Amino acid sequence: MDCRVGCGACCIALSISSPIPGMPSGKPAGVRCVQLTADNRCLLFGLPTRPLVCTRLRPMPEMCRDSADEALTWLTWLEQVTAPTDALTLFRLDGDPA
């Protein structure tokens, strides 16, 4: 499967912890990558400066869905439900599990 031209959902919805040219601290979830053009194309596609995590991400029907809007909605939800939880919500102050 190939990326849907002009989709860019993974470049918006997903967090990226590795440096990106123009975003040395990576990219938070829900923030548009600075390397994404106005028509949702990656300026780094095929270049050696593209982050490895981006190069290794492969499109799949489950991720890309039937449209860019559906992909953005799905990936946003997935990012939210897999985000690390604040440690205080996992453990009470005395150290016992909540």
PDB file of N, CA and C in Angstrom:
ATOM      1  N   MET A   1       0.846  -1.178   0.000  1.00  0.00           N
ATOM      2  CA  MET A   1       0.000   0.000   0.000  1.00  0.00           C
ATOM      3  C   MET A   1       0.891   1.242   0.000  1.00  0.00           C
ATOM      4  N   ASP A   2       0.493   2.248  -0.747  1.00  0.00           N
ATOM      5  CA  ASP A   2       1.209   3.521  -0.790  1.00  0.00           C
ATOM      6  C   ASP A   2       0.434   4.569  -0.006  1.00  0.00           C
ATOM      7  N   CYS A   3       1.154   5.590   0.440  1.00  0.00           N
ATOM      8  CA  CYS A   3       0.493   6.702   1.128  1.00  0.00           C
ATOM      9  C   CYS A   3      -0.497   7.371   0.174  1.00  0.00           C
ATOM     10  N   ARG A   4      -1.573   7.863   0.741  1.00  0.00           N
ATOM     11  CA  ARG A   4      -2.554   8.627  -0.022  1.00  0.00           C
ATOM     12  C   ARG A   4      -1.956  10.015  -0.255  1.00  0.00           C
ATOM     13  N   VAL A   5      -1.803  10.405  -1.489  1.00  0.00           N
ATOM     14  CA  VAL A   5      -1.221  11.703  -1.810  1.00  0.00           C
ATOM     15  C   VAL A   5      -2.063  12.811  -1.182  1.00  0.00           C
ATOM     16  N   GLY A   6      -1.387  13.706  -0.459  1.00  0.00           N
ATOM     17  CA  GLY A   6      -2.074  14.840   0.142  1.00  0.00           C
ATOM     18  C   GLY A   6      -2.817  14.521   1.418  1.00  0.00           C
ATOM     19  N   CYS A   7      -2.545  13.387   2.044  1.00  0.00           N
ATOM     20  CA  CYS A   7      -3.236  13.020   3.287  1.00  0.00           C
ATOM     21  C   CYS A   7      -2.597  13.742   4.471  1.00  0.00           C
ATOM     22  N   GLY A   8      -1.387  13.351   4.848  1.00  0.00           N
ATOM     23  CA  GLY A   8      -0.661  14.004   5.927  1.00  0.00           C
ATOM     24  C   GLY A   8      -1.170  13.732   7.327  1.00  0.00           C
ATOM     25  N   ALA A   9      -2.123  12.813   7.484  1.00  0.00           N
ATOM     26  CA  ALA A   9      -2.704  12.561   8.813  1.00  0.00           C
ATOM     27  C   ALA A   9      -1.652  12.138   9.829  1.00  0.00           C
ATOM     28  N   CYS A  10      -0.728  11.274   9.433  1.00  0.00           N
ATOM     29  CA  CYS A  10       0.300  10.823  10.375  1.00  0.00           C
ATOM     30  C   CYS A  10       1.266  11.951  10.717  1.00  0.00           C
ATOM     31  N   CYS A  11       1.384  12.949   9.860  1.00  0.00           N
ATOM     32  CA  CYS A  11       2.274  14.088  10.093  1.00  0.00           C
ATOM     33  C   CYS A  11       1.618  15.152  10.975  1.00  0.00           C
ATOM     34  N   ILE A  12       0.369  14.950  11.306  1.00  0.00           N
ATOM     35  CA  ILE A  12      -0.364  15.872  12.168  1.00  0.00           C
ATOM     36  C   ILE A  12      -0.729  15.187  13.480  1.00  0.00           C
ATOM     37  N   ALA A  13      -1.365  14.041  13.405  1.00  0.00           N
ATOM     38  CA  ALA A  13      -1.930  13.392  14.596  1.00  0.00           C
ATOM     39  C   ALA A  13      -0.879  12.807  15.529  1.00  0.00           C
ATOM     40  N   LEU A  14       0.157  12.217  14.975  1.00  0.00           N
ATOM     41  CA  LEU A  14       1.109  11.457  15.784  1.00  0.00           C
ATOM     42  C   LEU A  14       2.186  12.324  16.424  1.00  0.00           C
ATOM     43  N   SER A  15       2.610  11.919  17.608  1.00  0.00           N
ATOM     44  CA  SER A  15       3.761  12.564  18.242  1.00  0.00           C
ATOM     45  C   SER A  15       5.023  11.911  17.694  1.00  0.00           C
ATOM     46  N   ILE A  16       6.071  12.706  17.563  1.00  0.00           N
ATOM     47  CA  ILE A  16       7.360  12.208  17.095  1.00  0.00           C
ATOM     48  C   ILE A  16       8.400  12.709  18.080  1.00  0.00           C
ATOM     49  N   SER A  17       9.085  11.793  18.737  1.00  0.00           N
ATOM     50  CA  SER A  17      10.044  12.190  19.768  1.00  0.00           C
ATOM     51  C   SER A  17      11.434  12.481  19.210  1.00  0.00           C
ATOM     52  N   SER A  18      11.727  12.016  18.024  1.00  0.00           N
ATOM     53  CA  SER A  18      13.047  12.265  17.444  1.00  0.00           C
ATOM     54  C   SER A  18      13.074  13.632  16.755  1.00  0.00           C
ATOM     55  N   PRO A  19      14.267  14.219  16.637  1.00  0.00           N
ATOM     56  CA  PRO A  19      14.378  15.527  15.988  1.00  0.00           C
ATOM     57  C   PRO A  19      13.930  15.481  14.532  1.00  0.00           C
ATOM     58  N   ILE A  20      13.346  16.575  14.109  1.00  0.00           N
ATOM     59  CA  ILE A  20      12.928  16.778  12.726  1.00  0.00           C
ATOM     60  C   ILE A  20      13.564  18.101  12.309  1.00  0.00           C
ATOM     61  N   PRO A  21      14.090  18.222  11.099  1.00  0.00           N
ATOM     62  CA  PRO A  21      14.598  19.530  10.689  1.00  0.00           C
ATOM     63  C   PRO A  21      13.521  20.611  10.903  1.00  0.00           C
ATOM     64  N   GLY A  22      13.874  21.615  11.673  1.00  0.00           N
ATOM     65  CA  GLY A  22      12.924  22.673  12.005  1.00  0.00           C
ATOM     66  C   GLY A  22      12.161  22.422  13.291  1.00  0.00           C
ATOM     67  N   MET A  23      12.250  21.210  13.826  1.00  0.00           N
ATOM     68  CA  MET A  23      11.604  20.832  15.086  1.00  0.00           C
ATOM     69  C   MET A  23      12.598  19.968  15.868  1.00  0.00           C
ATOM     70  N   PRO A  24      13.634  20.580  16.431  1.00  0.00           N
ATOM     71  CA  PRO A  24      14.711  19.811  17.061  1.00  0.00           C
ATOM     72  C   PRO A  24      14.289  18.965  18.260  1.00  0.00           C
ATOM     73  N   SER A  25      13.169  19.290  18.870  1.00  0.00           N
ATOM     74  CA  SER A  25      12.676  18.502  20.008  1.00  0.00           C
ATOM     75  C   SER A  25      11.597  17.516  19.592  1.00  0.00           C
ATOM     76  N   GLY A  26      11.426  17.325  18.308  1.00  0.00           N
ATOM     77  CA  GLY A  26      10.364  16.453  17.834  1.00  0.00           C
ATOM     78  C   GLY A  26       9.062  17.216  17.681  1.00  0.00           C
ATOM     79  N   LYS A  27       7.958  16.479  17.634  1.00  0.00           N
ATOM     80  CA  LYS A  27       6.661  17.072  17.356  1.00  0.00           C
ATOM     81  C   LYS A  27       5.610  16.497  18.286  1.00  0.00           C
ATOM     82  N   PRO A  28       4.881  17.362  19.009  1.00  0.00           N
ATOM     83  CA  PRO A  28       3.793  16.851  19.846  1.00  0.00           C
ATOM     84  C   PRO A  28       2.624  16.338  18.996  1.00  0.00           C
ATOM     85  N   ALA A  29       1.854  15.463  19.566  1.00  0.00           N
ATOM     86  CA  ALA A  29       0.646  14.971  18.895  1.00  0.00           C
ATOM     87  C   ALA A  29      -0.286  16.138  18.602  1.00  0.00           C
ATOM     88  N   GLY A  30      -0.912  16.099  17.451  1.00  0.00           N
ATOM     89  CA  GLY A  30      -1.881  17.120  17.083  1.00  0.00           C
ATOM     90  C   GLY A  30      -1.282  18.394  16.523  1.00  0.00           C
ATOM     91  N   VAL A  31       0.034  18.444  16.432  1.00  0.00           N
ATOM     92  CA  VAL A  31       0.721  19.610  15.880  1.00  0.00           C
ATOM     93  C   VAL A  31       1.202  19.259  14.479  1.00  0.00           C
ATOM     94  N   ARG A  32       0.906  20.123  13.561  1.00  0.00           N
ATOM     95  CA  ARG A  32       1.305  19.915  12.172  1.00  0.00           C
ATOM     96  C   ARG A  32       2.837  19.968  12.064  1.00  0.00           C
ATOM     97  N   CYS A  33       3.437  19.007  11.405  1.00  0.00           N
ATOM     98  CA  CYS A  33       4.882  19.001  11.192  1.00  0.00           C
ATOM     99  C   CYS A  33       5.260  20.197  10.313  1.00  0.00           C
ATOM    100  N   VAL A  34       6.364  20.863  10.660  1.00  0.00           N
ATOM    101  CA  VAL A  34       6.792  22.018   9.864  1.00  0.00           C
ATOM    102  C   VAL A  34       7.247  21.607   8.465  1.00  0.00           C
ATOM    103  N   GLN A  35       7.500  20.328   8.256  1.00  0.00           N
ATOM    104  CA  GLN A  35       7.927  19.839   6.949  1.00  0.00           C
ATOM    105  C   GLN A  35       6.752  19.436   6.055  1.00  0.00           C
ATOM    106  N   LEU A  36       5.538  19.656   6.536  1.00  0.00           N
ATOM    107  CA  LEU A  36       4.337  19.326   5.766  1.00  0.00           C
ATOM    108  C   LEU A  36       3.898  20.566   4.989  1.00  0.00           C
ATOM    109  N   THR A  37       3.751  20.423   3.687  1.00  0.00           N
ATOM    110  CA  THR A  37       3.357  21.560   2.852  1.00  0.00           C
ATOM    111  C   THR A  37       1.873  21.874   3.030  1.00  0.00           C
ATOM    112  N   ALA A  38       1.442  22.974   2.456  1.00  0.00           N
ATOM    113  CA  ALA A  38       0.034  23.379   2.535  1.00  0.00           C
ATOM    114  C   ALA A  38      -0.886  22.329   1.915  1.00  0.00           C
ATOM    115  N   ASP A  39      -0.371  21.582   0.931  1.00  0.00           N
ATOM    116  CA  ASP A  39      -1.182  20.526   0.314  1.00  0.00           C
ATOM    117  C   ASP A  39      -0.861  19.150   0.903  1.00  0.00           C
ATOM    118  N   ASN A  40      -0.342  19.152   2.144  1.00  0.00           N
ATOM    119  CA  ASN A  40      -0.098  17.929   2.927  1.00  0.00           C
ATOM    120  C   ASN A  40       0.874  16.948   2.278  1.00  0.00           C
ATOM    121  N   ARG A  41       1.964  17.468   1.779  1.00  0.00           N
ATOM    122  CA  ARG A  41       3.042  16.630   1.253  1.00  0.00           C
ATOM    123  C   ARG A  41       4.293  16.865   2.089  1.00  0.00           C
ATOM    124  N   CYS A  42       5.032  15.803   2.335  1.00  0.00           N
ATOM    125  CA  CYS A  42       6.244  15.882   3.157  1.00  0.00           C
ATOM    126  C   CYS A  42       7.407  16.428   2.327  1.00  0.00           C
ATOM    127  N   LEU A  43       8.007  17.511   2.815  1.00  0.00           N
ATOM    128  CA  LEU A  43       9.162  18.086   2.124  1.00  0.00           C
ATOM    129  C   LEU A  43      10.407  17.211   2.240  1.00  0.00           C
ATOM    130  N   LEU A  44      10.407  16.293   3.202  1.00  0.00           N
ATOM    131  CA  LEU A  44      11.573  15.436   3.434  1.00  0.00           C
ATOM    132  C   LEU A  44      11.442  14.056   2.797  1.00  0.00           C
ATOM    133  N   PHE A  45      10.315  13.768   2.166  1.00  0.00           N
ATOM    134  CA  PHE A  45      10.076  12.443   1.609  1.00  0.00           C
ATOM    135  C   PHE A  45      11.197  12.080   0.636  1.00  0.00           C
ATOM    136  N   GLY A  46      11.834  10.927   0.889  1.00  0.00           N
ATOM    137  CA  GLY A  46      12.908  10.442   0.031  1.00  0.00           C
ATOM    138  C   GLY A  46      14.274  11.042   0.311  1.00  0.00           C
ATOM    139  N   LEU A  47      14.362  11.950   1.283  1.00  0.00           N
ATOM    140  CA  LEU A  47      15.639  12.583   1.608  1.00  0.00           C
ATOM    141  C   LEU A  47      16.279  11.926   2.827  1.00  0.00           C
ATOM    142  N   PRO A  48      17.602  11.960   2.927  1.00  0.00           N
ATOM    143  CA  PRO A  48      18.273  11.353   4.084  1.00  0.00           C
ATOM    144  C   PRO A  48      17.996  12.091   5.398  1.00  0.00           C
ATOM    145  N   THR A  49      17.506  13.307   5.331  1.00  0.00           N
ATOM    146  CA  THR A  49      17.197  14.075   6.546  1.00  0.00           C
ATOM    147  C   THR A  49      15.828  13.731   7.130  1.00  0.00           C
ATOM    148  N   ARG A  50      15.071  12.911   6.433  1.00  0.00           N
ATOM    149  CA  ARG A  50      13.765  12.492   6.958  1.00  0.00           C
ATOM    150  C   ARG A  50      13.994  11.587   8.170  1.00  0.00           C
ATOM    151  N   PRO A  51      13.292  11.844   9.285  1.00  0.00           N
ATOM    152  CA  PRO A  51      13.487  11.010  10.479  1.00  0.00           C
ATOM    153  C   PRO A  51      13.219   9.533  10.189  1.00  0.00           C
ATOM    154  N   LEU A  52      14.016   8.679  10.801  1.00  0.00           N
ATOM    155  CA  LEU A  52      13.889   7.238  10.599  1.00  0.00           C
ATOM    156  C   LEU A  52      12.496   6.744  10.965  1.00  0.00           C
ATOM    157  N   VAL A  53      11.925   7.300  12.024  1.00  0.00           N
ATOM    158  CA  VAL A  53      10.586   6.872  12.441  1.00  0.00           C
ATOM    159  C   VAL A  53       9.566   7.144  11.331  1.00  0.00           C
ATOM    160  N   CYS A  54       9.737   8.232  10.623  1.00  0.00           N
ATOM    161  CA  CYS A  54       8.831   8.552   9.513  1.00  0.00           C
ATOM    162  C   CYS A  54       9.068   7.612   8.333  1.00  0.00           C
ATOM    163  N   THR A  55      10.334   7.348   8.050  1.00  0.00           N
ATOM    164  CA  THR A  55      10.684   6.456   6.945  1.00  0.00           C
ATOM    165  C   THR A  55      10.155   5.044   7.185  1.00  0.00           C
ATOM    166  N   ARG A  56      10.205   4.607   8.440  1.00  0.00           N
ATOM    167  CA  ARG A  56       9.785   3.236   8.766  1.00  0.00           C
ATOM    168  C   ARG A  56       8.276   3.065   8.910  1.00  0.00           C
ATOM    169  N   LEU A  57       7.559   4.147   9.099  1.00  0.00           N
ATOM    170  CA  LEU A  57       6.100   4.042   9.214  1.00  0.00           C
ATOM    171  C   LEU A  57       5.522   3.663   7.857  1.00  0.00           C
ATOM    172  N   ARG A  58       4.798   2.589   7.826  1.00  0.00           N
ATOM    173  CA  ARG A  58       4.220   2.094   6.578  1.00  0.00           C
ATOM    174  C   ARG A  58       2.705   2.239   6.605  1.00  0.00           C
ATOM    175  N   PRO A  59       2.128   2.746   5.517  1.00  0.00           N
ATOM    176  CA  PRO A  59       0.671   2.870   5.476  1.00  0.00           C
ATOM    177  C   PRO A  59       0.008   1.499   5.464  1.00  0.00           C
ATOM    178  N   MET A  60      -1.131   1.417   6.147  1.00  0.00           N
ATOM    179  CA  MET A  60      -1.934   0.192   6.171  1.00  0.00           C
ATOM    180  C   MET A  60      -3.400   0.612   6.139  1.00  0.00           C
ATOM    181  N   PRO A  61      -4.261  -0.219   5.591  1.00  0.00           N
ATOM    182  CA  PRO A  61      -5.680   0.138   5.531  1.00  0.00           C
ATOM    183  C   PRO A  61      -6.261   0.499   6.898  1.00  0.00           C
ATOM    184  N   GLU A  62      -5.836  -0.212   7.956  1.00  0.00           N
ATOM    185  CA  GLU A  62      -6.366   0.062   9.297  1.00  0.00           C
ATOM    186  C   GLU A  62      -5.998   1.468   9.756  1.00  0.00           C
ATOM    187  N   MET A  63      -4.851   1.945   9.354  1.00  0.00           N
ATOM    188  CA  MET A  63      -4.374   3.261   9.758  1.00  0.00           C
ATOM    189  C   MET A  63      -4.905   4.356   8.830  1.00  0.00           C
ATOM    190  N   CYS A  64      -4.893   4.100   7.553  1.00  0.00           N
ATOM    191  CA  CYS A  64      -5.225   5.123   6.566  1.00  0.00           C
ATOM    192  C   CYS A  64      -6.724   5.275   6.314  1.00  0.00           C
ATOM    193  N   ARG A  65      -7.471   4.239   6.646  1.00  0.00           N
ATOM    194  CA  ARG A  65      -8.929   4.278   6.487  1.00  0.00           C
ATOM    195  C   ARG A  65      -9.322   4.581   5.046  1.00  0.00           C
ATOM    196  N   ASP A  66     -10.489   5.214   4.876  1.00  0.00           N
ATOM    197  CA  ASP A  66     -10.995   5.471   3.528  1.00  0.00           C
ATOM    198  C   ASP A  66     -10.770   6.896   3.046  1.00  0.00           C
ATOM    199  N   SER A  67     -10.303   7.774   3.933  1.00  0.00           N
ATOM    200  CA  SER A  67     -10.056   9.161   3.548  1.00  0.00           C
ATOM    201  C   SER A  67      -9.047   9.779   4.510  1.00  0.00           C
ATOM    202  N   ALA A  68      -8.521  10.921   4.127  1.00  0.00           N
ATOM    203  CA  ALA A  68      -7.582  11.637   4.991  1.00  0.00           C
ATOM    204  C   ALA A  68      -8.262  12.050   6.298  1.00  0.00           C
ATOM    205  N   ASP A  69      -9.514  12.488   6.221  1.00  0.00           N
ATOM    206  CA  ASP A  69     -10.244  12.885   7.433  1.00  0.00           C
ATOM    207  C   ASP A  69     -10.436  11.704   8.378  1.00  0.00           C
ATOM    208  N   GLU A  70     -10.792  10.543   7.826  1.00  0.00           N
ATOM    209  CA  GLU A  70     -10.956   9.347   8.660  1.00  0.00           C
ATOM    210  C   GLU A  70      -9.619   8.932   9.275  1.00  0.00           C
ATOM    211  N   ALA A  71      -8.550   9.022   8.503  1.00  0.00           N
ATOM    212  CA  ALA A  71      -7.219   8.675   9.014  1.00  0.00           C
ATOM    213  C   ALA A  71      -6.826   9.612  10.151  1.00  0.00           C
ATOM    214  N   LEU A  72      -7.077  10.902   9.989  1.00  0.00           N
ATOM    215  CA  LEU A  72      -6.737  11.871  11.029  1.00  0.00           C
ATOM    216  C   LEU A  72      -7.532  11.599  12.300  1.00  0.00           C
ATOM    217  N   THR A  73      -8.807  11.311  12.155  1.00  0.00           N
ATOM    218  CA  THR A  73      -9.647  10.999  13.316  1.00  0.00           C
ATOM    219  C   THR A  73      -9.146   9.741  14.018  1.00  0.00           C
ATOM    220  N   TRP A  74      -8.871   8.684  13.269  1.00  0.00           N
ATOM    221  CA  TRP A  74      -8.412   7.414  13.834  1.00  0.00           C
ATOM    222  C   TRP A  74      -7.062   7.576  14.528  1.00  0.00           C
ATOM    223  N   LEU A  75      -6.105   8.212  13.852  1.00  0.00           N
ATOM    224  CA  LEU A  75      -4.770   8.365  14.422  1.00  0.00           C
ATOM    225  C   LEU A  75      -4.774   9.291  15.639  1.00  0.00           C
ATOM    226  N   THR A  76      -5.624  10.302  15.637  1.00  0.00           N
ATOM    227  CA  THR A  76      -5.756  11.179  16.804  1.00  0.00           C
ATOM    228  C   THR A  76      -6.270  10.382  17.987  1.00  0.00           C
ATOM    229  N   TRP A  77      -7.293   9.565  17.764  1.00  0.00           N
ATOM    230  CA  TRP A  77      -7.837   8.722  18.835  1.00  0.00           C
ATOM    231  C   TRP A  77      -6.769   7.745  19.332  1.00  0.00           C
ATOM    232  N   LEU A  78      -6.080   7.105  18.419  1.00  0.00           N
ATOM    233  CA  LEU A  78      -5.050   6.129  18.780  1.00  0.00           C
ATOM    234  C   LEU A  78      -3.930   6.785  19.588  1.00  0.00           C
ATOM    235  N   GLU A  79      -3.521   7.952  19.191  1.00  0.00           N
ATOM    236  CA  GLU A  79      -2.485   8.686  19.930  1.00  0.00           C
ATOM    237  C   GLU A  79      -2.965   9.003  21.347  1.00  0.00           C
ATOM    238  N   GLN A  80      -4.210   9.408  21.483  1.00  0.00           N
ATOM    239  CA  GLN A  80      -4.752   9.754  22.801  1.00  0.00           C
ATOM    240  C   GLN A  80      -4.837   8.542  23.722  1.00  0.00           C
ATOM    241  N   VAL A  81      -5.296   7.420  23.214  1.00  0.00           N
ATOM    242  CA  VAL A  81      -5.476   6.249  24.083  1.00  0.00           C
ATOM    243  C   VAL A  81      -4.167   5.526  24.390  1.00  0.00           C
ATOM    244  N   THR A  82      -3.116   5.833  23.649  1.00  0.00           N
ATOM    245  CA  THR A  82      -1.823   5.200  23.922  1.00  0.00           C
ATOM    246  C   THR A  82      -0.820   6.163  24.554  1.00  0.00           C
ATOM    247  N   ALA A  83      -1.230   7.388  24.803  1.00  0.00           N
ATOM    248  CA  ALA A  83      -0.332   8.375  25.414  1.00  0.00           C
ATOM    249  C   ALA A  83      -0.017   7.965  26.847  1.00  0.00           C
ATOM    250  N   PRO A  84       1.205   8.233  27.292  1.00  0.00           N
ATOM    251  CA  PRO A  84       1.554   7.928  28.687  1.00  0.00           C
ATOM    252  C   PRO A  84       0.607   8.650  29.643  1.00  0.00           C
ATOM    253  N   THR A  85       0.269   7.965  30.724  1.00  0.00           N
ATOM    254  CA  THR A  85      -0.605   8.540  31.731  1.00  0.00           C
ATOM    255  C   THR A  85       0.253   9.155  32.821  1.00  0.00           C
ATOM    256  N   ASP A  86      -0.190  10.248  33.355  1.00  0.00           N
ATOM    257  CA  ASP A  86       0.516  10.904  34.457  1.00  0.00           C
ATOM    258  C   ASP A  86       0.699   9.898  35.590  1.00  0.00           C
ATOM    259  N   ALA A  87       1.901   9.784  36.105  1.00  0.00           N
ATOM    260  CA  ALA A  87       2.211   8.802  37.156  1.00  0.00           C
ATOM    261  C   ALA A  87       1.311   8.958  38.371  1.00  0.00           C
ATOM    262  N   LEU A  88       0.866  10.165  38.672  1.00  0.00           N
ATOM    263  CA  LEU A  88       0.004  10.363  39.840  1.00  0.00           C
ATOM    264  C   LEU A  88      -1.369   9.730  39.659  1.00  0.00           C
ATOM    265  N   THR A  89      -1.771   9.512  38.427  1.00  0.00           N
ATOM    266  CA  THR A  89      -3.055   8.849  38.225  1.00  0.00           C
ATOM    267  C   THR A  89      -2.914   7.339  38.362  1.00  0.00           C
ATOM    268  N   LEU A  90      -1.673   6.836  38.285  1.00  0.00           N
ATOM    269  CA  LEU A  90      -1.447   5.400  38.397  1.00  0.00           C
ATOM    270  C   LEU A  90      -1.166   4.963  39.830  1.00  0.00           C
ATOM    271  N   PHE A  91      -0.581   5.842  40.617  1.00  0.00           N
ATOM    272  CA  PHE A  91      -0.207   5.502  41.994  1.00  0.00           C
ATOM    273  C   PHE A  91      -0.692   6.579  42.951  1.00  0.00           C
ATOM    274  N   ARG A  92      -1.162   6.139  44.093  1.00  0.00           N
ATOM    275  CA  ARG A  92      -1.520   7.100  45.132  1.00  0.00           C
ATOM    276  C   ARG A  92      -0.242   7.693  45.683  1.00  0.00           C
ATOM    277  N   LEU A  93      -0.343   8.763  46.421  1.00  0.00           N
ATOM    278  CA  LEU A  93       0.839   9.429  46.961  1.00  0.00           C
ATOM    279  C   LEU A  93       1.647   8.541  47.892  1.00  0.00           C
ATOM    280  N   ASP A  94       1.015   7.538  48.537  1.00  0.00           N
ATOM    281  CA  ASP A  94       1.761   6.652  49.432  1.00  0.00           C
ATOM    282  C   ASP A  94       2.496   5.549  48.669  1.00  0.00           C
ATOM    283  N   GLY A  95       2.400   5.547  47.336  1.00  0.00           N
ATOM    284  CA  GLY A  95       3.122   4.586  46.527  1.00  0.00           C
ATOM    285  C   GLY A  95       2.353   3.318  46.203  1.00  0.00           C
ATOM    286  N   ASP A  96       1.187   3.119  46.821  1.00  0.00           N
ATOM    287  CA  ASP A  96       0.387   1.938  46.515  1.00  0.00           C
ATOM    288  C   ASP A  96      -0.347   2.146  45.198  1.00  0.00           C
ATOM    289  N   PRO A  97      -0.551   1.086  44.437  1.00  0.00           N
ATOM    290  CA  PRO A  97      -1.307   1.221  43.194  1.00  0.00           C
ATOM    291  C   PRO A  97      -2.691   1.783  43.465  1.00  0.00           C
ATOM    292  N   ALA A  98      -3.144   2.594  42.561  1.00  0.00           N
ATOM    293  CA  ALA A  98      -4.473   3.222  42.687  1.00  0.00           C
ATOM    294  C   ALA A  98      -5.569   2.196  42.561  1.00  0.00           C
TER     295      ALA A  98
END
